[in-house]
Full PDB file with SEQRES, HELIX, SHEET, SSBOND, CRYST1, ORIGX, SCALE, CONECT and MASTER records, all heavy atoms in Angstrom:
SEQRES   1 A   40  GLY LYS ASP LEU ALA GLY MET LYS GLN ASN LYS ARG LEU          
SEQRES   2 A   40  MET PHE ARG GLU ILE PHE ARG ARG VAL LYS GLN LEU GLN          
SEQRES   3 A   40  GLN LEU SER GLN TYR LYS ASN TYR ARG LEU SER GLU LEU          
SEQRES   4 A   40  VAL                                                          
HELIX    1 AA1 GLN A    9  GLN A   26  1                                  18    
HELIX    2 AA2 SER A   29  TYR A   31  5                                   3    
HELIX    3 AA3 LEU A   36  LEU A   39  1                                   4    
CRYST1    1.000    1.000    1.000  90.00  90.00  90.00 P 1           1          
ORIGX1      1.000000  0.000000  0.000000        0.00000                         
ORIGX2      0.000000  1.000000  0.000000        0.00000                         
ORIGX3      0.000000  0.000000  1.000000        0.00000                         
SCALE1      1.000000  0.000000  0.000000        0.00000                         
SCALE2      0.000000  1.000000  0.000000        0.00000                         
SCALE3      0.000000  0.000000  1.000000        0.00000                         
ATOM      1  N   GLY A   1     116.763 113.326  79.588  1.00  0.00           N  
ATOM      2  CA  GLY A   1     118.169 113.400  79.948  1.00  0.00           C  
ATOM      3  C   GLY A   1     118.506 114.428  81.006  1.00  0.00           C  
ATOM      4  O   GLY A   1     119.678 114.691  81.279  1.00  0.00           O  
ATOM      5  N   LYS A   2     117.478 115.016  81.639  1.00  0.00           N  
ATOM      6  CA  LYS A   2     117.739 116.008  82.680  1.00  0.00           C  
ATOM      7  C   LYS A   2     118.377 115.362  83.907  1.00  0.00           C  
ATOM      8  O   LYS A   2     117.972 114.300  84.351  1.00  0.00           O  
ATOM      9  CB  LYS A   2     116.452 116.714  83.068  1.00  0.00           C  
ATOM     10  CG  LYS A   2     116.686 117.772  84.117  1.00  0.00           C  
ATOM     11  CD  LYS A   2     115.611 118.802  84.145  1.00  0.00           C  
ATOM     12  CE  LYS A   2     115.955 119.706  85.296  1.00  0.00           C  
ATOM     13  NZ  LYS A   2     115.666 120.991  85.239  1.00  0.00           N  
ATOM     14  N   ASP A   3     119.361 116.033  84.432  1.00  0.00           N  
ATOM     15  CA  ASP A   3     120.088 115.564  85.619  1.00  0.00           C  
ATOM     16  C   ASP A   3     119.309 115.953  86.875  1.00  0.00           C  
ATOM     17  O   ASP A   3     118.764 117.046  86.958  1.00  0.00           O  
ATOM     18  CB  ASP A   3     121.473 116.224  85.624  1.00  0.00           C  
ATOM     19  CG  ASP A   3     122.370 115.693  86.714  1.00  0.00           C  
ATOM     20  OD1 ASP A   3     122.023 114.690  87.359  1.00  0.00           O  
ATOM     21  OD2 ASP A   3     123.444 116.290  86.905  1.00  0.00           O  
ATOM     22  N   LEU A   4     119.270 115.079  87.852  1.00  0.00           N  
ATOM     23  CA  LEU A   4     118.564 115.345  89.108  1.00  0.00           C  
ATOM     24  C   LEU A   4     119.517 115.836  90.193  1.00  0.00           C  
ATOM     25  O   LEU A   4     119.197 115.777  91.371  1.00  0.00           O  
ATOM     26  CB  LEU A   4     117.851 114.076  89.584  1.00  0.00           C  
ATOM     27  CG  LEU A   4     116.850 113.429  88.633  1.00  0.00           C  
ATOM     28  CD1 LEU A   4     116.247 112.182  89.266  1.00  0.00           C  
ATOM     29  CD2 LEU A   4     115.769 114.411  88.218  1.00  0.00           C  
ATOM     30  N   ALA A   5     120.673 116.325  89.785  1.00  0.00           N  
ATOM     31  CA  ALA A   5     121.714 116.713  90.743  1.00  0.00           C  
ATOM     32  C   ALA A   5     121.253 117.784  91.732  1.00  0.00           C  
ATOM     33  O   ALA A   5     121.698 117.800  92.875  1.00  0.00           O  
ATOM     34  CB  ALA A   5     122.953 117.200  89.999  1.00  0.00           C  
ATOM     35  N   GLY A   6     120.354 118.669  91.351  1.00  0.00           N  
ATOM     36  CA  GLY A   6     119.891 119.725  92.241  1.00  0.00           C  
ATOM     37  C   GLY A   6     118.835 119.271  93.234  1.00  0.00           C  
ATOM     38  O   GLY A   6     118.405 120.035  94.089  1.00  0.00           O  
ATOM     39  N   MET A   7     118.450 118.031  93.142  1.00  0.00           N  
ATOM     40  CA  MET A   7     117.393 117.491  93.988  1.00  0.00           C  
ATOM     41  C   MET A   7     118.003 116.861  95.243  1.00  0.00           C  
ATOM     42  O   MET A   7     119.106 116.332  95.204  1.00  0.00           O  
ATOM     43  CB  MET A   7     116.637 116.430  93.174  1.00  0.00           C  
ATOM     44  CG  MET A   7     115.355 115.965  93.763  1.00  0.00           C  
ATOM     45  SD  MET A   7     114.531 114.768  92.665  1.00  0.00           S  
ATOM     46  CE  MET A   7     113.885 115.845  91.403  1.00  0.00           C  
ATOM     47  N   LYS A   8     117.267 116.907  96.345  1.00  0.00           N  
ATOM     48  CA  LYS A   8     117.737 116.261  97.571  1.00  0.00           C  
ATOM     49  C   LYS A   8     117.880 114.759  97.341  1.00  0.00           C  
ATOM     50  O   LYS A   8     117.145 114.169  96.552  1.00  0.00           O  
ATOM     51  CB  LYS A   8     116.778 116.527  98.726  1.00  0.00           C  
ATOM     52  CG  LYS A   8     116.810 117.965  99.189  1.00  0.00           C  
ATOM     53  CD  LYS A   8     115.901 118.184 100.371  1.00  0.00           C  
ATOM     54  CE  LYS A   8     115.978 119.642 100.800  1.00  0.00           C  
ATOM     55  NZ  LYS A   8     115.121 119.899 101.950  1.00  0.00           N  
ATOM     56  N   GLN A   9     118.823 114.160  98.051  1.00  0.00           N  
ATOM     57  CA  GLN A   9     119.184 112.764  97.829  1.00  0.00           C  
ATOM     58  C   GLN A   9     117.995 111.803  97.906  1.00  0.00           C  
ATOM     59  O   GLN A   9     117.830 110.943  97.047  1.00  0.00           O  
ATOM     60  CB  GLN A   9     120.258 112.327  98.820  1.00  0.00           C  
ATOM     61  CG  GLN A   9     120.686 110.890  98.600  1.00  0.00           C  
ATOM     62  CD  GLN A   9     121.676 110.397  99.637  1.00  0.00           C  
ATOM     63  OE1 GLN A   9     121.990 111.088 100.589  1.00  0.00           O  
ATOM     64  NE2 GLN A   9     122.151 109.200  99.453  1.00  0.00           N  
ATOM     65  N   ASN A  10     117.163 111.932  98.932  1.00  0.00           N  
ATOM     66  CA  ASN A  10     116.040 111.011  99.073  1.00  0.00           C  
ATOM     67  C   ASN A  10     115.064 111.118  97.915  1.00  0.00           C  
ATOM     68  O   ASN A  10     114.558 110.111  97.423  1.00  0.00           O  
ATOM     69  CB  ASN A  10     115.305 111.239 100.400  1.00  0.00           C  
ATOM     70  CG  ASN A  10     116.013 110.579 101.558  1.00  0.00           C  
ATOM     71  OD1 ASN A  10     116.495 109.469 101.437  1.00  0.00           O  
ATOM     72  ND2 ASN A  10     116.078 111.268 102.678  1.00  0.00           N  
ATOM     73  N   LYS A  11     114.780 112.322  97.479  1.00  0.00           N  
ATOM     74  CA  LYS A  11     113.866 112.509  96.344  1.00  0.00           C  
ATOM     75  C   LYS A  11     114.491 111.960  95.064  1.00  0.00           C  
ATOM     76  O   LYS A  11     113.820 111.331  94.248  1.00  0.00           O  
ATOM     77  CB  LYS A  11     113.496 113.992  96.159  1.00  0.00           C  
ATOM     78  CG  LYS A  11     112.691 114.561  97.300  1.00  0.00           C  
ATOM     79  CD  LYS A  11     111.397 113.793  97.498  1.00  0.00           C  
ATOM     80  CE  LYS A  11     110.674 114.285  98.722  1.00  0.00           C  
ATOM     81  NZ  LYS A  11     109.649 113.354  99.179  1.00  0.00           N  
ATOM     82  N   ARG A  12     115.772 112.189  94.905  1.00  0.00           N  
ATOM     83  CA  ARG A  12     116.482 111.674  93.733  1.00  0.00           C  
ATOM     84  C   ARG A  12     116.394 110.140  93.713  1.00  0.00           C  
ATOM     85  O   ARG A  12     116.094 109.542  92.676  1.00  0.00           O  
ATOM     86  CB  ARG A  12     117.936 112.148  93.752  1.00  0.00           C  
ATOM     87  CG  ARG A  12     118.711 111.838  92.503  1.00  0.00           C  
ATOM     88  CD  ARG A  12     120.061 112.533  92.431  1.00  0.00           C  
ATOM     89  NE  ARG A  12     120.875 112.406  93.624  1.00  0.00           N  
ATOM     90  CZ  ARG A  12     121.217 113.410  94.427  1.00  0.00           C  
ATOM     91  NH1 ARG A  12     120.821 114.642  94.159  1.00  0.00           N  
ATOM     92  NH2 ARG A  12     121.976 113.208  95.481  1.00  0.00           N  
ATOM     93  N   LEU A  13     116.626 109.505  94.855  1.00  0.00           N  
ATOM     94  CA  LEU A  13     116.514 108.045  94.944  1.00  0.00           C  
ATOM     95  C   LEU A  13     115.096 107.572  94.630  1.00  0.00           C  
ATOM     96  O   LEU A  13     114.903 106.568  93.943  1.00  0.00           O  
ATOM     97  CB  LEU A  13     116.924 107.565  96.337  1.00  0.00           C  
ATOM     98  CG  LEU A  13     118.393 107.700  96.705  1.00  0.00           C  
ATOM     99  CD1 LEU A  13     118.607 107.399  98.187  1.00  0.00           C  
ATOM    100  CD2 LEU A  13     119.250 106.788  95.841  1.00  0.00           C  
ATOM    101  N   MET A  14     114.112 108.293  95.140  1.00  0.00           N  
ATOM    102  CA  MET A  14     112.722 107.928  94.886  1.00  0.00           C  
ATOM    103  C   MET A  14     112.395 108.000  93.399  1.00  0.00           C  
ATOM    104  O   MET A  14     111.830 107.059  92.827  1.00  0.00           O  
ATOM    105  CB  MET A  14     111.772 108.850  95.665  1.00  0.00           C  
ATOM    106  CG  MET A  14     110.307 108.534  95.410  1.00  0.00           C  
ATOM    107  SD  MET A  14     109.176 109.661  96.238  1.00  0.00           S  
ATOM    108  CE  MET A  14     109.419 111.153  95.268  1.00  0.00           C  
ATOM    109  N   PHE A  15     112.780 109.098  92.756  1.00  0.00           N  
ATOM    110  CA  PHE A  15     112.459 109.240  91.343  1.00  0.00           C  
ATOM    111  C   PHE A  15     113.236 108.246  90.484  1.00  0.00           C  
ATOM    112  O   PHE A  15     112.716 107.766  89.474  1.00  0.00           O  
ATOM    113  CB  PHE A  15     112.668 110.682  90.875  1.00  0.00           C  
ATOM    114  CG  PHE A  15     111.592 111.611  91.358  1.00  0.00           C  
ATOM    115  CD1 PHE A  15     111.898 112.693  92.169  1.00  0.00           C  
ATOM    116  CD2 PHE A  15     110.263 111.397  91.020  1.00  0.00           C  
ATOM    117  CE1 PHE A  15     110.902 113.542  92.626  1.00  0.00           C  
ATOM    118  CE2 PHE A  15     109.257 112.236  91.477  1.00  0.00           C  
ATOM    119  CZ  PHE A  15     109.579 113.313  92.283  1.00  0.00           C  
ATOM    120  N   ARG A  16     114.426 107.907  90.881  1.00  0.00           N  
ATOM    121  CA  ARG A  16     115.177 106.879  90.145  1.00  0.00           C  
ATOM    122  C   ARG A  16     114.479 105.519  90.247  1.00  0.00           C  
ATOM    123  O   ARG A  16     114.441 104.752  89.289  1.00  0.00           O  
ATOM    124  CB  ARG A  16     116.611 106.795  90.648  1.00  0.00           C  
ATOM    125  CG  ARG A  16     117.458 107.941  90.153  1.00  0.00           C  
ATOM    126  CD  ARG A  16     118.890 107.813  90.607  1.00  0.00           C  
ATOM    127  NE  ARG A  16     119.676 108.945  90.121  1.00  0.00           N  
ATOM    128  CZ  ARG A  16     120.771 109.383  90.695  1.00  0.00           C  
ATOM    129  NH1 ARG A  16     121.242 108.797  91.784  1.00  0.00           N  
ATOM    130  NH2 ARG A  16     121.425 110.406  90.197  1.00  0.00           N  
ATOM    131  N   GLU A  17     113.937 105.216  91.427  1.00  0.00           N  
ATOM    132  CA  GLU A  17     113.207 103.958  91.588  1.00  0.00           C  
ATOM    133  C   GLU A  17     111.921 103.969  90.765  1.00  0.00           C  
ATOM    134  O   GLU A  17     111.576 102.979  90.109  1.00  0.00           O  
ATOM    135  CB  GLU A  17     112.885 103.706  93.070  1.00  0.00           C  
ATOM    136  CG  GLU A  17     112.057 102.465  93.341  1.00  0.00           C  
ATOM    137  CD  GLU A  17     112.723 101.142  92.933  1.00  0.00           C  
ATOM    138  OE1 GLU A  17     113.953 101.104  92.725  1.00  0.00           O  
ATOM    139  OE2 GLU A  17     111.999 100.138  92.823  1.00  0.00           O  
ATOM    140  N   ILE A  18     111.201 105.084  90.764  1.00  0.00           N  
ATOM    141  CA  ILE A  18     109.986 105.201  89.948  1.00  0.00           C  
ATOM    142  C   ILE A  18     110.345 105.046  88.471  1.00  0.00           C  
ATOM    143  O   ILE A  18     109.682 104.307  87.728  1.00  0.00           O  
ATOM    144  CB  ILE A  18     109.267 106.542  90.218  1.00  0.00           C  
ATOM    145  CG1 ILE A  18     108.719 106.569  91.651  1.00  0.00           C  
ATOM    146  CG2 ILE A  18     108.144 106.763  89.201  1.00  0.00           C  
ATOM    147  CD1 ILE A  18     108.243 107.940  92.118  1.00  0.00           C  
ATOM    148  N   PHE A  19     111.397 105.717  88.037  1.00  0.00           N  
ATOM    149  CA  PHE A  19     111.866 105.653  86.650  1.00  0.00           C  
ATOM    150  C   PHE A  19     112.203 104.207  86.268  1.00  0.00           C  
ATOM    151  O   PHE A  19     111.797 103.718  85.203  1.00  0.00           O  
ATOM    152  CB  PHE A  19     113.096 106.557  86.508  1.00  0.00           C  
ATOM    153  CG  PHE A  19     113.636 106.685  85.112  1.00  0.00           C  
ATOM    154  CD1 PHE A  19     112.887 107.295  84.106  1.00  0.00           C  
ATOM    155  CD2 PHE A  19     114.903 106.231  84.801  1.00  0.00           C  
ATOM    156  CE1 PHE A  19     113.389 107.440  82.822  1.00  0.00           C  
ATOM    157  CE2 PHE A  19     115.420 106.372  83.522  1.00  0.00           C  
ATOM    158  CZ  PHE A  19     114.665 106.972  82.528  1.00  0.00           C  
ATOM    159  N   ARG A  20     112.910 103.511  87.149  1.00  0.00           N  
ATOM    160  CA  ARG A  20     113.276 102.120  86.896  1.00  0.00           C  
ATOM    161  C   ARG A  20     112.034 101.250  86.708  1.00  0.00           C  
ATOM    162  O   ARG A  20     111.948 100.452  85.779  1.00  0.00           O  
ATOM    163  CB  ARG A  20     114.128 101.590  88.064  1.00  0.00           C  
ATOM    164  CG  ARG A  20     114.669 100.177  87.867  1.00  0.00           C  
ATOM    165  CD  ARG A  20     115.359  99.642  89.112  1.00  0.00           C  
ATOM    166  NE  ARG A  20     114.433  99.386  90.208  1.00  0.00           N  
ATOM    167  CZ  ARG A  20     113.596  98.352  90.261  1.00  0.00           C  
ATOM    168  NH1 ARG A  20     113.544  97.487  89.279  1.00  0.00           N  
ATOM    169  NH2 ARG A  20     112.805  98.192  91.301  1.00  0.00           N  
ATOM    170  N   ARG A  21     111.046 101.447  87.566  1.00  0.00           N  
ATOM    171  CA  ARG A  21     109.816 100.651  87.485  1.00  0.00           C  
ATOM    172  C   ARG A  21     108.994 100.998  86.245  1.00  0.00           C  
ATOM    173  O   ARG A  21     108.382 100.115  85.642  1.00  0.00           O  
ATOM    174  CB  ARG A  21     108.980 100.844  88.748  1.00  0.00           C  
ATOM    175  CG  ARG A  21     109.599 100.229  89.974  1.00  0.00           C  
ATOM    176  CD  ARG A  21     108.663 100.339  91.143  1.00  0.00           C  
ATOM    177  NE  ARG A  21     109.284  99.966  92.396  1.00  0.00           N  
ATOM    178  CZ  ARG A  21     108.599  99.754  93.515  1.00  0.00           C  
ATOM    179  NH1 ARG A  21     107.285  99.890  93.536  1.00  0.00           N  
ATOM    180  NH2 ARG A  21     109.234  99.427  94.631  1.00  0.00           N  
ATOM    181  N   VAL A  22     108.971 102.280  85.884  1.00  0.00           N  
ATOM    182  CA  VAL A  22     108.250 102.691  84.667  1.00  0.00           C  
ATOM    183  C   VAL A  22     108.885 102.015  83.454  1.00  0.00           C  
ATOM    184  O   VAL A  22     108.184 101.472  82.590  1.00  0.00           O  
ATOM    185  CB  VAL A  22     108.238 104.233  84.511  1.00  0.00           C  
ATOM    186  CG1 VAL A  22     107.798 104.640  83.111  1.00  0.00           C  
ATOM    187  CG2 VAL A  22     107.320 104.865  85.555  1.00  0.00           C  
ATOM    188  N   LYS A  23     110.203 102.014  83.402  1.00  0.00           N  
ATOM    189  CA  LYS A  23     110.898 101.363  82.281  1.00  0.00           C  
ATOM    190  C   LYS A  23     110.603  99.859  82.251  1.00  0.00           C  
ATOM    191  O   LYS A  23     110.440  99.283  81.178  1.00  0.00           O  
ATOM    192  CB  LYS A  23     112.400 101.626  82.350  1.00  0.00           C  
ATOM    193  CG  LYS A  23     112.737 103.061  82.003  1.00  0.00           C  
ATOM    194  CD  LYS A  23     114.194 103.427  81.840  1.00  0.00           C  
ATOM    195  CE  LYS A  23     115.226 102.520  82.354  1.00  0.00           C  
ATOM    196  NZ  LYS A  23     116.593 103.051  82.267  1.00  0.00           N  
ATOM    197  N   GLN A  24     110.503  99.247  83.417  1.00  0.00           N  
ATOM    198  CA  GLN A  24     110.157  97.816  83.482  1.00  0.00           C  
ATOM    199  C   GLN A  24     108.761  97.577  82.912  1.00  0.00           C  
ATOM    200  O   GLN A  24     108.547  96.626  82.171  1.00  0.00           O  
ATOM    201  CB  GLN A  24     110.190  97.313  84.919  1.00  0.00           C  
ATOM    202  CG  GLN A  24     111.541  96.904  85.422  1.00  0.00           C  
ATOM    203  CD  GLN A  24     111.461  96.334  86.838  1.00  0.00           C  
ATOM    204  OE1 GLN A  24     110.571  96.670  87.620  1.00  0.00           O  
ATOM    205  NE2 GLN A  24     112.417  95.480  87.165  1.00  0.00           N  
ATOM    206  N   LEU A  25     107.799  98.434  83.303  1.00  0.00           N  
ATOM    207  CA  LEU A  25     106.432  98.284  82.797  1.00  0.00           C  
ATOM    208  C   LEU A  25     106.385  98.436  81.282  1.00  0.00           C  
ATOM    209  O   LEU A  25     105.640  97.719  80.608  1.00  0.00           O  
ATOM    210  CB  LEU A  25     105.491  99.316  83.441  1.00  0.00           C  
ATOM    211  CG  LEU A  25     105.011  99.064  84.859  1.00  0.00           C  
ATOM    212  CD1 LEU A  25     104.059 100.177  85.298  1.00  0.00           C  
ATOM    213  CD2 LEU A  25     104.340  97.712  84.994  1.00  0.00           C  
ATOM    214  N   GLN A  26     107.160  99.368  80.754  1.00  0.00           N  
ATOM    215  CA  GLN A  26     107.161  99.604  79.309  1.00  0.00           C  
ATOM    216  C   GLN A  26     107.623  98.376  78.533  1.00  0.00           C  
ATOM    217  O   GLN A  26     107.285  98.221  77.364  1.00  0.00           O  
ATOM    218  CB  GLN A  26     108.051 100.796  78.960  1.00  0.00           C  
ATOM    219  CG  GLN A  26     107.442 102.118  79.356  1.00  0.00           C  
ATOM    220  CD  GLN A  26     108.366 103.287  79.089  1.00  0.00           C  
ATOM    221  OE1 GLN A  26     109.567 103.202  79.282  1.00  0.00           O  
ATOM    222  NE2 GLN A  26     107.781 104.386  78.661  1.00  0.00           N  
ATOM    223  N   GLN A  27     108.377  97.505  79.170  1.00  0.00           N  
ATOM    224  CA  GLN A  27     108.874  96.289  78.517  1.00  0.00           C  
ATOM    225  C   GLN A  27     107.803  95.201  78.440  1.00  0.00           C  
ATOM    226  O   GLN A  27     107.935  94.261  77.663  1.00  0.00           O  
ATOM    227  CB  GLN A  27     110.096  95.737  79.265  1.00  0.00           C  
ATOM    228  CG  GLN A  27     111.243  96.706  79.388  1.00  0.00           C  
ATOM    229  CD  GLN A  27     111.730  97.201  78.038  1.00  0.00           C  
ATOM    230  OE1 GLN A  27     111.945  96.415  77.123  1.00  0.00           O  
ATOM    231  NE2 GLN A  27     111.888  98.504  77.906  1.00  0.00           N  
ATOM    232  N   LEU A  28     106.751  95.339  79.233  1.00  0.00           N  
ATOM    233  CA  LEU A  28     105.691  94.332  79.260  1.00  0.00           C  
ATOM    234  C   LEU A  28     104.654  94.621  78.183  1.00  0.00           C  
ATOM    235  O   LEU A  28     104.210  95.770  78.024  1.00  0.00           O  
ATOM    236  CB  LEU A  28     105.031  94.294  80.641  1.00  0.00           C  
ATOM    237  CG  LEU A  28     105.956  94.008  81.826  1.00  0.00           C  
ATOM    238  CD1 LEU A  28     105.202  94.154  83.141  1.00  0.00           C  
ATOM    239  CD2 LEU A  28     106.572  92.618  81.702  1.00  0.00           C  
ATOM    240  N   SER A  29     104.262  93.594  77.474  1.00  0.00           N  
ATOM    241  CA  SER A  29     103.364  93.773  76.324  1.00  0.00           C  
ATOM    242  C   SER A  29     102.028  94.418  76.692  1.00  0.00           C  
ATOM    243  O   SER A  29     101.499  95.211  75.926  1.00  0.00           O  
ATOM    244  CB  SER A  29     103.126  92.434  75.620  1.00  0.00           C  
ATOM    245  OG  SER A  29     102.563  91.498  76.508  1.00  0.00           O  
ATOM    246  N   GLN A  30     101.490  94.103  77.876  1.00  0.00           N  
ATOM    247  CA  GLN A  30     100.180  94.667  78.230  1.00  0.00           C  
ATOM    248  C   GLN A  30     100.229  96.180  78.487  1.00  0.00           C  
ATOM    249  O   GLN A  30      99.197  96.824  78.554  1.00  0.00           O  
ATOM    250  CB  GLN A  30      99.535  93.938  79.413  1.00  0.00           C  
ATOM    251  CG  GLN A  30     100.204  94.147  80.753  1.00  0.00           C  
ATOM    252  CD  GLN A  30     101.066  92.971  81.159  1.00  0.00           C  
ATOM    253  OE1 GLN A  30     101.738  92.371  80.341  1.00  0.00           O  
ATOM    254  NE2 GLN A  30     101.054  92.658  82.445  1.00  0.00           N  
ATOM    255  N   TYR A  31     101.429  96.745  78.621  1.00  0.00           N  
ATOM    256  CA  TYR A  31     101.567  98.177  78.885  1.00  0.00           C  
ATOM    257  C   TYR A  31     102.160  98.945  77.700  1.00  0.00           C  
ATOM    258  O   TYR A  31     102.439 100.123  77.803  1.00  0.00           O  
ATOM    259  CB  TYR A  31     102.447  98.407  80.118  1.00  0.00           C  
ATOM    260  CG  TYR A  31     101.832  97.862  81.392  1.00  0.00           C  
ATOM    261  CD1 TYR A  31     102.316  96.698  81.975  1.00  0.00           C  
ATOM    262  CD2 TYR A  31     100.753  98.504  81.988  1.00  0.00           C  
ATOM    263  CE1 TYR A  31     101.754  96.192  83.136  1.00  0.00           C  
ATOM    264  CE2 TYR A  31     100.185  98.007  83.151  1.00  0.00           C  
ATOM    265  CZ  TYR A  31     100.687  96.848  83.710  1.00  0.00           C  
ATOM    266  OH  TYR A  31     100.119  96.357  84.859  1.00  0.00           O  
ATOM    267  N   LYS A  32     102.341  98.294  76.571  1.00  0.00           N  
ATOM    268  CA  LYS A  32     102.996  98.917  75.412  1.00  0.00           C  
ATOM    269  C   LYS A  32     102.310 100.203  74.955  1.00  0.00           C  
ATOM    270  O   LYS A  32     102.970 101.142  74.532  1.00  0.00           O  
ATOM    271  CB  LYS A  32     103.064  97.941  74.232  1.00  0.00           C  
ATOM    272  CG  LYS A  32     104.090  96.861  74.411  1.00  0.00           C  
ATOM    273  CD  LYS A  32     105.463  97.388  74.130  1.00  0.00           C  
ATOM    274  CE  LYS A  32     106.452  96.238  74.136  1.00  0.00           C  
ATOM    275  NZ  LYS A  32     107.788  96.624  74.423  1.00  0.00           N  
ATOM    276  N   ASN A  33     100.980 100.252  75.017  1.00  0.00           N  
ATOM    277  CA  ASN A  33     100.241 101.410  74.503  1.00  0.00           C  
ATOM    278  C   ASN A  33      99.861 102.428  75.574  1.00  0.00           C  
ATOM    279  O   ASN A  33      99.103 103.346  75.310  1.00  0.00           O  
ATOM    280  CB  ASN A  33      98.992 100.944  73.751  1.00  0.00           C  
ATOM    281  CG  ASN A  33      99.359 100.147  72.516  1.00  0.00           C  
ATOM    282  OD1 ASN A  33     100.318 100.479  71.815  1.00  0.00           O  
ATOM    283  ND2 ASN A  33      98.629  99.076  72.259  1.00  0.00           N  
ATOM    284  N   TYR A  34     100.379 102.263  76.763  1.00  0.00           N  
ATOM    285  CA  TYR A  34     100.079 103.195  77.849  1.00  0.00           C  
ATOM    286  C   TYR A  34     100.917 104.461  77.688  1.00  0.00           C  
ATOM    287  O   TYR A  34     102.072 104.407  77.277  1.00  0.00           O  
ATOM    288  CB  TYR A  34     100.397 102.565  79.208  1.00  0.00           C  
ATOM    289  CG  TYR A  34      99.339 101.633  79.735  1.00  0.00           C  
ATOM    290  CD1 TYR A  34      98.939 100.515  79.009  1.00  0.00           C  
ATOM    291  CD2 TYR A  34      98.755 101.861  80.966  1.00  0.00           C  
ATOM    292  CE1 TYR A  34      97.975  99.648  79.509  1.00  0.00           C  
ATOM    293  CE2 TYR A  34      97.795 101.003  81.476  1.00  0.00           C  
ATOM    294  CZ  TYR A  34      97.407  99.898  80.734  1.00  0.00           C  
ATOM    295  OH  TYR A  34      96.454  99.046  81.235  1.00  0.00           O  
ATOM    296  N   ARG A  35     100.304 105.594  78.038  1.00  0.00           N  
ATOM    297  CA  ARG A  35     101.056 106.858  78.062  1.00  0.00           C  
ATOM    298  C   ARG A  35     101.963 106.858  79.289  1.00  0.00           C  
ATOM    299  O   ARG A  35     101.714 106.150  80.269  1.00  0.00           O  
ATOM    300  CB  ARG A  35     100.093 108.049  78.145  1.00  0.00           C  
ATOM    301  CG  ARG A  35      99.232 108.236  76.917  1.00  0.00           C  
ATOM    302  CD  ARG A  35      98.397 109.512  77.028  1.00  0.00           C  
ATOM    303  NE  ARG A  35      97.921 109.735  78.385  1.00  0.00           N  
ATOM    304  CZ  ARG A  35      96.651 109.873  78.733  1.00  0.00           C  
ATOM    305  NH1 ARG A  35      95.713 109.834  77.832  1.00  0.00           N  
ATOM    306  NH2 ARG A  35      96.317 110.076  79.987  1.00  0.00           N  
ATOM    307  N   LEU A  36     102.992 107.679  79.245  1.00  0.00           N  
ATOM    308  CA  LEU A  36     103.942 107.777  80.347  1.00  0.00           C  
ATOM    309  C   LEU A  36     103.228 108.129  81.657  1.00  0.00           C  
ATOM    310  O   LEU A  36     103.489 107.527  82.697  1.00  0.00           O  
ATOM    311  CB  LEU A  36     105.025 108.811  80.035  1.00  0.00           C  
ATOM    312  CG  LEU A  36     106.104 108.985  81.103  1.00  0.00           C  
ATOM    313  CD1 LEU A  36     106.881 107.688  81.300  1.00  0.00           C  
ATOM    314  CD2 LEU A  36     107.040 110.117  80.735  1.00  0.00           C  
ATOM    315  N   SER A  37     102.309 109.080  81.600  1.00  0.00           N  
ATOM    316  CA  SER A  37     101.595 109.492  82.820  1.00  0.00           C  
ATOM    317  C   SER A  37     100.793 108.342  83.417  1.00  0.00           C  
ATOM    318  O   SER A  37     100.681 108.226  84.642  1.00  0.00           O  
ATOM    319  CB  SER A  37     100.689 110.688  82.536  1.00  0.00           C  
ATOM    320  OG  SER A  37      99.714 110.353  81.564  1.00  0.00           O  
ATOM    321  N   GLU A  38     100.253 107.470  82.575  1.00  0.00           N  
ATOM    322  CA  GLU A  38      99.502 106.314  83.076  1.00  0.00           C  
ATOM    323  C   GLU A  38     100.435 105.319  83.758  1.00  0.00           C  
ATOM    324  O   GLU A  38     100.105 104.767  84.813  1.00  0.00           O  
ATOM    325  CB  GLU A  38      98.755 105.627  81.927  1.00  0.00           C  
ATOM    326  CG  GLU A  38      97.643 106.481  81.339  1.00  0.00           C  
ATOM    327  CD  GLU A  38      97.060 105.895  80.071  1.00  0.00           C  
ATOM    328  OE1 GLU A  38      97.825 105.374  79.227  1.00  0.00           O  
ATOM    329  OE2 GLU A  38      95.817 105.951  79.926  1.00  0.00           O  
ATOM    330  N   LEU A  39     101.596 105.098  83.159  1.00  0.00           N  
ATOM    331  CA  LEU A  39     102.579 104.192  83.755  1.00  0.00           C  
ATOM    332  C   LEU A  39     103.077 104.738  85.089  1.00  0.00           C  
ATOM    333  O   LEU A  39     103.213 103.985  86.061  1.00  0.00           O  
ATOM    334  CB  LEU A  39     103.751 103.978  82.799  1.00  0.00           C  
ATOM    335  CG  LEU A  39     103.423 103.259  81.489  1.00  0.00           C  
ATOM    336  CD1 LEU A  39     104.612 103.286  80.553  1.00  0.00           C  
ATOM    337  CD2 LEU A  39     102.964 101.838  81.752  1.00  0.00           C  
ATOM    338  N   VAL A  40     103.332 106.034  85.131  1.00  0.00           N  
ATOM    339  CA  VAL A  40     103.788 106.660  86.381  1.00  0.00           C  
ATOM    340  C   VAL A  40     102.724 106.510  87.459  1.00  0.00           C  
ATOM    341  O   VAL A  40     103.038 106.170  88.603  1.00  0.00           O  
ATOM    342  CB  VAL A  40     104.159 108.142  86.151  1.00  0.00           C  
ATOM    343  CG1 VAL A  40     104.367 108.864  87.473  1.00  0.00           C  
ATOM    344  CG2 VAL A  40     105.396 108.260  85.271  1.00  0.00           C  
TER     345      VAL A  40                                                      
MASTER        0    0    0    3    0    0    0    6  344    1    0    4          
END                                                                             
C-alpha cells in the first residue's frame, strides 16, 4: 500500500505497468506458486 508519490512520473508509470502485469500473471494458473520476485 505504499504510495509512489515521491517518485518521478516516468518511474511511477513504469512501476505501475510492472505491477499491473505482475497481478495479471498471478491470475494465471501456471504462475500460482511463483514468488513475487520471480514474477517481477
